Amino acid sequence: MIGWIIVGIIAGLLGRLLVPGRQPLGFLLTLGLGMAGSLVGGFLSSLLFGVDPRDSTIHPSGIIMSTIGAVILLMGYISLKRRQIG
């Protein structure tokens, strides 16, 4: 669980760095973004590469896929916010 939180923080921060523009997210939302990104990234890697999603070890590829998942979720969040505003 602690490892998942650490990966969530790293993935959330990297995701926010990679997506251009300002994202009004605090620390807890960034953590949640990274943890949700880990779920999305794990799902994608199991589909694309046949990786077992139950493997609980932390790999650099897992952090990369978690970051990709966080970027996908953050871009979707920004897109939804733009539709609500204008």
PDB file of N, CA and C in Angstrom:
ATOM      1  N   MET A   1       0.818  -1.189   0.000  1.00  0.00           N
ATOM      2  CA  MET A   1       0.000   0.000   0.000  1.00  0.00           C
ATOM      3  C   MET A   1       0.870   1.265   0.000  1.00  0.00           C
ATOM      4  N   ILE A   2       1.928   1.270   0.782  1.00  0.00           N
ATOM      5  CA  ILE A   2       2.818   2.435   0.822  1.00  0.00           C
ATOM      6  C   ILE A   2       3.511   2.607  -0.523  1.00  0.00           C
ATOM      7  N   GLY A   3       3.895   1.514  -1.140  1.00  0.00           N
ATOM      8  CA  GLY A   3       4.515   1.582  -2.466  1.00  0.00           C
ATOM      9  C   GLY A   3       3.570   2.159  -3.500  1.00  0.00           C
ATOM     10  N   TRP A   4       2.293   1.798  -3.402  1.00  0.00           N
ATOM     11  CA  TRP A   4       1.287   2.310  -4.341  1.00  0.00           C
ATOM     12  C   TRP A   4       1.114   3.816  -4.156  1.00  0.00           C
ATOM     13  N   ILE A   5       1.166   4.279  -2.894  1.00  0.00           N
ATOM     14  CA  ILE A   5       1.057   5.710  -2.616  1.00  0.00           C
ATOM     15  C   ILE A   5       2.266   6.452  -3.176  1.00  0.00           C
ATOM     16  N   ILE A   6       3.451   5.896  -2.997  1.00  0.00           N
ATOM     17  CA  ILE A   6       4.667   6.532  -3.514  1.00  0.00           C
ATOM     18  C   ILE A   6       4.627   6.609  -5.032  1.00  0.00           C
ATOM     19  N   VAL A   7       4.256   5.512  -5.682  1.00  0.00           N
ATOM     20  CA  VAL A   7       4.127   5.524  -7.140  1.00  0.00           C
ATOM     21  C   VAL A   7       3.047   6.506  -7.566  1.00  0.00           C
ATOM     22  N   GLY A   8       1.964   6.592  -6.802  1.00  0.00           N
ATOM     23  CA  GLY A   8       0.897   7.542  -7.104  1.00  0.00           C
ATOM     24  C   GLY A   8       1.377   8.977  -7.059  1.00  0.00           C
ATOM     25  N   ILE A   9       2.164   9.318  -6.050  1.00  0.00           N
ATOM     26  CA  ILE A   9       2.702  10.674  -5.947  1.00  0.00           C
ATOM     27  C   ILE A   9       3.614  10.975  -7.125  1.00  0.00           C
ATOM     28  N   ILE A  10       4.523  10.039  -7.424  1.00  0.00           N
ATOM     29  CA  ILE A  10       5.467  10.240  -8.534  1.00  0.00           C
ATOM     30  C   ILE A  10       4.722  10.365  -9.857  1.00  0.00           C
ATOM     31  N   ALA A  11       3.802   9.450 -10.115  1.00  0.00           N
ATOM     32  CA  ALA A  11       3.058   9.463 -11.384  1.00  0.00           C
ATOM     33  C   ALA A  11       2.187  10.707 -11.500  1.00  0.00           C
ATOM     34  N   GLY A  12       1.551  11.110 -10.407  1.00  0.00           N
ATOM     35  CA  GLY A  12       0.715  12.307 -10.433  1.00  0.00           C
ATOM     36  C   GLY A  12       1.528  13.565 -10.718  1.00  0.00           C
ATOM     37  N   LEU A  13       2.670  13.686 -10.068  1.00  0.00           N
ATOM     38  CA  LEU A  13       3.530  14.851 -10.303  1.00  0.00           C
ATOM     39  C   LEU A  13       4.088  14.858 -11.724  1.00  0.00           C
ATOM     40  N   LEU A  14       4.542  13.700 -12.187  1.00  0.00           N
ATOM     41  CA  LEU A  14       5.062  13.630 -13.566  1.00  0.00           C
ATOM     42  C   LEU A  14       3.963  13.912 -14.584  1.00  0.00           C
ATOM     43  N   GLY A  15       2.773  13.390 -14.324  1.00  0.00           N
ATOM     44  CA  GLY A  15       1.645  13.645 -15.221  1.00  0.00           C
ATOM     45  C   GLY A  15       1.329  15.125 -15.310  1.00  0.00           C
ATOM     46  N   ARG A  16       1.351  15.804 -14.166  1.00  0.00           N
ATOM     47  CA  ARG A  16       1.081  17.240 -14.159  1.00  0.00           C
ATOM     48  C   ARG A  16       2.189  18.015 -14.855  1.00  0.00           C
ATOM     49  N   LEU A  17       3.422  17.542 -14.756  1.00  0.00           N
ATOM     50  CA  LEU A  17       4.528  18.209 -15.453  1.00  0.00           C
ATOM     51  C   LEU A  17       4.428  18.047 -16.965  1.00  0.00           C
ATOM     52  N   LEU A  18       3.939  16.904 -17.408  1.00  0.00           N
ATOM     53  CA  LEU A  18       3.891  16.614 -18.842  1.00  0.00           C
ATOM     54  C   LEU A  18       2.711  17.261 -19.562  1.00  0.00           C
ATOM     55  N   VAL A  19       1.647  17.548 -18.843  1.00  0.00           N
ATOM     56  CA  VAL A  19       0.466  18.160 -19.463  1.00  0.00           C
ATOM     57  C   VAL A  19       0.623  19.679 -19.393  1.00  0.00           C
ATOM     58  N   PRO A  20       0.606  20.342 -20.547  1.00  0.00           N
ATOM     59  CA  PRO A  20       0.795  21.801 -20.527  1.00  0.00           C
ATOM     60  C   PRO A  20      -0.399  22.528 -19.911  1.00  0.00           C
ATOM     61  N   GLY A  21      -0.120  23.702 -19.386  1.00  0.00           N
ATOM     62  CA  GLY A  21      -1.179  24.517 -18.803  1.00  0.00           C
ATOM     63  C   GLY A  21      -1.228  24.364 -17.300  1.00  0.00           C
ATOM     64  N   ARG A  22      -2.104  25.128 -16.715  1.00  0.00           N
ATOM     65  CA  ARG A  22      -2.268  25.126 -15.269  1.00  0.00           C
ATOM     66  C   ARG A  22      -3.371  24.145 -14.893  1.00  0.00           C
ATOM     67  N   GLN A  23      -3.069  23.307 -13.916  1.00  0.00           N
ATOM     68  CA  GLN A  23      -4.075  22.384 -13.395  1.00  0.00           C
ATOM     69  C   GLN A  23      -4.324  22.728 -11.932  1.00  0.00           C
ATOM     70  N   PRO A  24      -5.541  23.145 -11.594  1.00  0.00           N
ATOM     71  CA  PRO A  24      -5.831  23.531 -10.213  1.00  0.00           C
ATOM     72  C   PRO A  24      -6.069  22.314  -9.310  1.00  0.00           C
ATOM     73  N   LEU A  25      -5.011  21.548  -9.072  1.00  0.00           N
ATOM     74  CA  LEU A  25      -5.124  20.356  -8.238  1.00  0.00           C
ATOM     75  C   LEU A  25      -4.201  20.504  -7.031  1.00  0.00           C
ATOM     76  N   GLY A  26      -4.702  20.173  -5.867  1.00  0.00           N
ATOM     77  CA  GLY A  26      -3.882  20.172  -4.666  1.00  0.00           C
ATOM     78  C   GLY A  26      -3.116  18.857  -4.542  1.00  0.00           C
ATOM     79  N   PHE A  27      -2.458  18.690  -3.401  1.00  0.00           N
ATOM     80  CA  PHE A  27      -1.641  17.501  -3.184  1.00  0.00           C
ATOM     81  C   PHE A  27      -2.477  16.224  -3.206  1.00  0.00           C
ATOM     82  N   LEU A  28      -3.603  16.232  -2.508  1.00  0.00           N
ATOM     83  CA  LEU A  28      -4.413  15.003  -2.440  1.00  0.00           C
ATOM     84  C   LEU A  28      -5.007  14.636  -3.795  1.00  0.00           C
ATOM     85  N   LEU A  29      -5.417  15.625  -4.579  1.00  0.00           N
ATOM     86  CA  LEU A  29      -5.925  15.321  -5.918  1.00  0.00           C
ATOM     87  C   LEU A  29      -4.803  14.832  -6.836  1.00  0.00           C
ATOM     88  N   THR A  30      -3.593  15.372  -6.659  1.00  0.00           N
ATOM     89  CA  THR A  30      -2.451  14.891  -7.430  1.00  0.00           C
ATOM     90  C   THR A  30      -2.145  13.438  -7.066  1.00  0.00           C
ATOM     91  N   LEU A  31      -2.205  13.125  -5.774  1.00  0.00           N
ATOM     92  CA  LEU A  31      -2.013  11.748  -5.318  1.00  0.00           C
ATOM     93  C   LEU A  31      -3.087  10.839  -5.903  1.00  0.00           C
ATOM     94  N   GLY A  32      -4.345  11.287  -5.831  1.00  0.00           N
ATOM     95  CA  GLY A  32      -5.445  10.500  -6.404  1.00  0.00           C
ATOM     96  C   GLY A  32      -5.296  10.311  -7.902  1.00  0.00           C
ATOM     97  N   LEU A  33      -4.849  11.369  -8.583  1.00  0.00           N
ATOM     98  CA  LEU A  33      -4.610  11.283 -10.025  1.00  0.00           C
ATOM     99  C   LEU A  33      -3.560  10.219 -10.328  1.00  0.00           C
ATOM    100  N   GLY A  34      -2.476  10.225  -9.574  1.00  0.00           N
ATOM    101  CA  GLY A  34      -1.411   9.239  -9.786  1.00  0.00           C
ATOM    102  C   GLY A  34      -1.859   7.827  -9.475  1.00  0.00           C
ATOM    103  N   MET A  35      -2.643   7.668  -8.406  1.00  0.00           N
ATOM    104  CA  MET A  35      -3.115   6.326  -8.055  1.00  0.00           C
ATOM    105  C   MET A  35      -4.115   5.813  -9.091  1.00  0.00           C
ATOM    106  N   ALA A  36      -5.001   6.687  -9.550  1.00  0.00           N
ATOM    107  CA  ALA A  36      -5.936   6.286 -10.612  1.00  0.00           C
ATOM    108  C   ALA A  36      -5.170   6.035 -11.907  1.00  0.00           C
ATOM    109  N   GLY A  37      -4.129   6.846 -12.154  1.00  0.00           N
ATOM    110  CA  GLY A  37      -3.278   6.626 -13.319  1.00  0.00           C
ATOM    111  C   GLY A  37      -2.572   5.285 -13.256  1.00  0.00           C
ATOM    112  N   SER A  38      -2.228   4.847 -12.051  1.00  0.00           N
ATOM    113  CA  SER A  38      -1.619   3.527 -11.888  1.00  0.00           C
ATOM    114  C   SER A  38      -2.590   2.422 -12.295  1.00  0.00           C
ATOM    115  N   LEU A  39      -3.851   2.601 -11.941  1.00  0.00           N
ATOM    116  CA  LEU A  39      -4.856   1.611 -12.352  1.00  0.00           C
ATOM    117  C   LEU A  39      -5.019   1.594 -13.868  1.00  0.00           C
ATOM    118  N   VAL A  40      -5.113   2.785 -14.466  1.00  0.00           N
ATOM    119  CA  VAL A  40      -5.261   2.872 -15.922  1.00  0.00           C
ATOM    120  C   VAL A  40      -4.007   2.329 -16.609  1.00  0.00           C
ATOM    121  N   GLY A  41      -2.839   2.737 -16.111  1.00  0.00           N
ATOM    122  CA  GLY A  41      -1.584   2.255 -16.704  1.00  0.00           C
ATOM    123  C   GLY A  41      -1.410   0.751 -16.565  1.00  0.00           C
ATOM    124  N   GLY A  42      -1.796   0.201 -15.417  1.00  0.00           N
ATOM    125  CA  GLY A  42      -1.724  -1.250 -15.223  1.00  0.00           C
ATOM    126  C   GLY A  42      -2.670  -1.990 -16.143  1.00  0.00           C
ATOM    127  N   PHE A  43      -3.862  -1.436 -16.332  1.00  0.00           N
ATOM    128  CA  PHE A  43      -4.822  -2.042 -17.250  1.00  0.00           C
ATOM    129  C   PHE A  43      -4.285  -2.017 -18.676  1.00  0.00           C
ATOM    130  N   LEU A  44      -3.715  -0.865 -19.089  1.00  0.00           N
ATOM    131  CA  LEU A  44      -3.160  -0.759 -20.445  1.00  0.00           C
ATOM    132  C   LEU A  44      -1.990  -1.703 -20.652  1.00  0.00           C
ATOM    133  N   SER A  45      -1.108  -1.800 -19.660  1.00  0.00           N
ATOM    134  CA  SER A  45       0.041  -2.686 -19.832  1.00  0.00           C
ATOM    135  C   SER A  45      -0.377  -4.151 -19.854  1.00  0.00           C
ATOM    136  N   SER A  46      -1.436  -4.501 -19.120  1.00  0.00           N
ATOM    137  CA  SER A  46      -1.906  -5.889 -19.187  1.00  0.00           C
ATOM    138  C   SER A  46      -2.521  -6.186 -20.546  1.00  0.00           C
ATOM    139  N   LEU A  47      -3.196  -5.187 -21.139  1.00  0.00           N
ATOM    140  CA  LEU A  47      -3.769  -5.384 -22.476  1.00  0.00           C
ATOM    141  C   LEU A  47      -2.695  -5.426 -23.559  1.00  0.00           C
ATOM    142  N   LEU A  48      -1.759  -4.488 -23.495  1.00  0.00           N
ATOM    143  CA  LEU A  48      -0.761  -4.351 -24.559  1.00  0.00           C
ATOM    144  C   LEU A  48       0.384  -5.350 -24.452  1.00  0.00           C
ATOM    145  N   PHE A  49       0.852  -5.594 -23.232  1.00  0.00           N
ATOM    146  CA  PHE A  49       2.070  -6.381 -23.064  1.00  0.00           C
ATOM    147  C   PHE A  49       1.863  -7.697 -22.330  1.00  0.00           C
ATOM    148  N   GLY A  50       0.643  -7.968 -21.888  1.00  0.00           N
ATOM    149  CA  GLY A  50       0.364  -9.214 -21.188  1.00  0.00           C
ATOM    150  C   GLY A  50       0.962  -9.269 -19.793  1.00  0.00           C
ATOM    151  N   VAL A  51       1.188  -8.116 -19.181  1.00  0.00           N
ATOM    152  CA  VAL A  51       1.745  -8.058 -17.837  1.00  0.00           C
ATOM    153  C   VAL A  51       0.670  -8.440 -16.837  1.00  0.00           C
ATOM    154  N   ASP A  52       1.030  -9.239 -15.851  1.00  0.00           N
ATOM    155  CA  ASP A  52       0.076  -9.644 -14.825  1.00  0.00           C
ATOM    156  C   ASP A  52      -0.208  -8.461 -13.904  1.00  0.00           C
ATOM    157  N   PRO A  53      -1.443  -7.969 -13.845  1.00  0.00           N
ATOM    158  CA  PRO A  53      -1.756  -6.806 -13.011  1.00  0.00           C
ATOM    159  C   PRO A  53      -1.632  -7.071 -11.515  1.00  0.00           C
ATOM    160  N   ARG A  54      -1.549  -8.328 -11.120  1.00  0.00           N
ATOM    161  CA  ARG A  54      -1.410  -8.661  -9.699  1.00  0.00           C
ATOM    162  C   ARG A  54       0.037  -8.625  -9.236  1.00  0.00           C
ATOM    163  N   ASP A  55       0.982  -8.404 -10.143  1.00  0.00           N
ATOM    164  CA  ASP A  55       2.393  -8.297  -9.784  1.00  0.00           C
ATOM    165  C   ASP A  55       2.593  -7.006  -8.996  1.00  0.00           C
ATOM    166  N   SER A  56       2.931  -7.126  -7.733  1.00  0.00           N
ATOM    167  CA  SER A  56       2.967  -5.955  -6.854  1.00  0.00           C
ATOM    168  C   SER A  56       4.347  -5.308  -6.756  1.00  0.00           C
ATOM    169  N   THR A  57       5.328  -5.801  -7.501  1.00  0.00           N
ATOM    170  CA  THR A  57       6.648  -5.191  -7.432  1.00  0.00           C
ATOM    171  C   THR A  57       6.662  -3.898  -8.239  1.00  0.00           C
ATOM    172  N   ILE A  58       7.495  -2.962  -7.813  1.00  0.00           N
ATOM    173  CA  ILE A  58       7.592  -1.671  -8.476  1.00  0.00           C
ATOM    174  C   ILE A  58       8.702  -1.748  -9.518  1.00  0.00           C
ATOM    175  N   HIS A  59       8.357  -1.489 -10.756  1.00  0.00           N
ATOM    176  CA  HIS A  59       9.301  -1.483 -11.868  1.00  0.00           C
ATOM    177  C   HIS A  59       9.308  -0.101 -12.503  1.00  0.00           C
ATOM    178  N   PRO A  60      10.424   0.282 -13.132  1.00  0.00           N
ATOM    179  CA  PRO A  60      10.422   1.556 -13.861  1.00  0.00           C
ATOM    180  C   PRO A  60       9.337   1.601 -14.929  1.00  0.00           C
ATOM    181  N   SER A  61       9.072   0.480 -15.583  1.00  0.00           N
ATOM    182  CA  SER A  61       8.020   0.457 -16.597  1.00  0.00           C
ATOM    183  C   SER A  61       6.650   0.690 -15.969  1.00  0.00           C
ATOM    184  N   GLY A  62       6.467   0.253 -14.735  1.00  0.00           N
ATOM    185  CA  GLY A  62       5.213   0.493 -14.036  1.00  0.00           C
ATOM    186  C   GLY A  62       5.014   1.971 -13.745  1.00  0.00           C
ATOM    187  N   ILE A  63       6.086   2.659 -13.379  1.00  0.00           N
ATOM    188  CA  ILE A  63       5.985   4.096 -13.130  1.00  0.00           C
ATOM    189  C   ILE A  63       5.712   4.821 -14.438  1.00  0.00           C
ATOM    190  N   ILE A  64       6.316   4.365 -15.516  1.00  0.00           N
ATOM    191  CA  ILE A  64       6.074   4.982 -16.827  1.00  0.00           C
ATOM    192  C   ILE A  64       4.614   4.799 -17.233  1.00  0.00           C
ATOM    193  N   MET A  65       4.097   3.586 -17.108  1.00  0.00           N
ATOM    194  CA  MET A  65       2.702   3.337 -17.476  1.00  0.00           C
ATOM    195  C   MET A  65       1.746   4.072 -16.538  1.00  0.00           C
ATOM    196  N   SER A  66       2.098   4.187 -15.270  1.00  0.00           N
ATOM    197  CA  SER A  66       1.281   4.950 -14.330  1.00  0.00           C
ATOM    198  C   SER A  66       1.242   6.423 -14.720  1.00  0.00           C
ATOM    199  N   THR A  67       2.386   6.942 -15.148  1.00  0.00           N
ATOM    200  CA  THR A  67       2.448   8.334 -15.589  1.00  0.00           C
ATOM    201  C   THR A  67       1.621   8.534 -16.846  1.00  0.00           C
ATOM    202  N   ILE A  68       1.700   7.596 -17.776  1.00  0.00           N
ATOM    203  CA  ILE A  68       0.881   7.675 -18.989  1.00  0.00           C
ATOM    204  C   ILE A  68      -0.599   7.646 -18.621  1.00  0.00           C
ATOM    205  N   GLY A  69      -0.967   6.778 -17.693  1.00  0.00           N
ATOM    206  CA  GLY A  69      -2.353   6.735 -17.236  1.00  0.00           C
ATOM    207  C   GLY A  69      -2.775   8.039 -16.584  1.00  0.00           C
ATOM    208  N   ALA A  70      -1.875   8.655 -15.793  1.00  0.00           N
ATOM    209  CA  ALA A  70      -2.188   9.933 -15.155  1.00  0.00           C
ATOM    210  C   ALA A  70      -2.358  11.036 -16.189  1.00  0.00           C
ATOM    211  N   VAL A  71      -1.527  11.018 -17.226  1.00  0.00           N
ATOM    212  CA  VAL A  71      -1.645  12.016 -18.302  1.00  0.00           C
ATOM    213  C   VAL A  71      -2.984  11.856 -19.017  1.00  0.00           C
ATOM    214  N   ILE A  72      -3.371  10.629 -19.312  1.00  0.00           N
ATOM    215  CA  ILE A  72      -4.651  10.378 -19.986  1.00  0.00           C
ATOM    216  C   ILE A  72      -5.811  10.889 -19.131  1.00  0.00           C
ATOM    217  N   LEU A  73      -5.793  10.579 -17.846  1.00  0.00           N
ATOM    218  CA  LEU A  73      -6.870  11.027 -16.956  1.00  0.00           C
ATOM    219  C   LEU A  73      -6.876  12.544 -16.804  1.00  0.00           C
ATOM    220  N   LEU A  74      -5.701  13.150 -16.689  1.00  0.00           N
ATOM    221  CA  LEU A  74      -5.632  14.594 -16.527  1.00  0.00           C
ATOM    222  C   LEU A  74      -6.117  15.321 -17.777  1.00  0.00           C
ATOM    223  N   MET A  75      -5.761  14.802 -18.951  1.00  0.00           N
ATOM    224  CA  MET A  75      -6.234  15.408 -20.189  1.00  0.00           C
ATOM    225  C   MET A  75      -7.755  15.276 -20.309  1.00  0.00           C
ATOM    226  N   GLY A  76      -8.295  14.156 -19.884  1.00  0.00           N
ATOM    227  CA  GLY A  76      -9.742  13.986 -19.879  1.00  0.00           C
ATOM    228  C   GLY A  76     -10.415  14.934 -18.905  1.00  0.00           C
ATOM    229  N   TYR A  77      -9.822  15.115 -17.736  1.00  0.00           N
ATOM    230  CA  TYR A  77     -10.359  16.046 -16.740  1.00  0.00           C
ATOM    231  C   TYR A  77     -10.361  17.473 -17.277  1.00  0.00           C
ATOM    232  N   ILE A  78      -9.261  17.889 -17.899  1.00  0.00           N
ATOM    233  CA  ILE A  78      -9.167  19.238 -18.463  1.00  0.00           C
ATOM    234  C   ILE A  78     -10.194  19.414 -19.575  1.00  0.00           C
ATOM    235  N   SER A  79     -10.363  18.398 -20.409  1.00  0.00           N
ATOM    236  CA  SER A  79     -11.340  18.469 -21.496  1.00  0.00           C
ATOM    237  C   SER A  79     -12.761  18.626 -20.947  1.00  0.00           C
ATOM    238  N   LEU A  80     -13.096  17.880 -19.903  1.00  0.00           N
ATOM    239  CA  LEU A  80     -14.422  17.995 -19.297  1.00  0.00           C
ATOM    240  C   LEU A  80     -14.634  19.364 -18.669  1.00  0.00           C
ATOM    241  N   LYS A  81     -13.606  19.897 -18.024  1.00  0.00           N
ATOM    242  CA  LYS A  81     -13.724  21.217 -17.404  1.00  0.00           C
ATOM    243  C   LYS A  81     -13.942  22.299 -18.464  1.00  0.00           C
ATOM    244  N   ARG A  82     -13.264  22.186 -19.609  1.00  0.00           N
ATOM    245  CA  ARG A  82     -13.441  23.155 -20.691  1.00  0.00           C
ATOM    246  C   ARG A  82     -14.854  23.115 -21.240  1.00  0.00           C
ATOM    247  N   ARG A  83     -15.438  21.928 -21.338  1.00  0.00           N
ATOM    248  CA  ARG A  83     -16.808  21.802 -21.850  1.00  0.00           C
ATOM    249  C   ARG A  83     -17.806  22.401 -20.886  1.00  0.00           C
ATOM    250  N   GLN A  84     -17.550  22.279 -19.577  1.00  0.00           N
ATOM    251  CA  GLN A  84     -18.451  22.837 -18.579  1.00  0.00           C
ATOM    252  C   GLN A  84     -18.398  24.345 -18.569  1.00  0.00           C
ATOM    253  N   ILE A  85     -17.223  24.908 -18.790  1.00  0.00           N
ATOM    254  CA  ILE A  85     -17.052  26.359 -18.743  1.00  0.00           C
ATOM    255  C   ILE A  85     -17.609  27.016 -19.983  1.00  0.00           C
ATOM    256  N   GLY A  86     -17.254  26.497 -21.137  1.00  0.00           N
ATOM    257  CA  GLY A  86     -17.658  27.185 -22.356  1.00  0.00           C
ATOM    258  C   GLY A  86     -18.378  26.312 -23.250  1.00  0.00           C
TER     259      GLY A  86
END
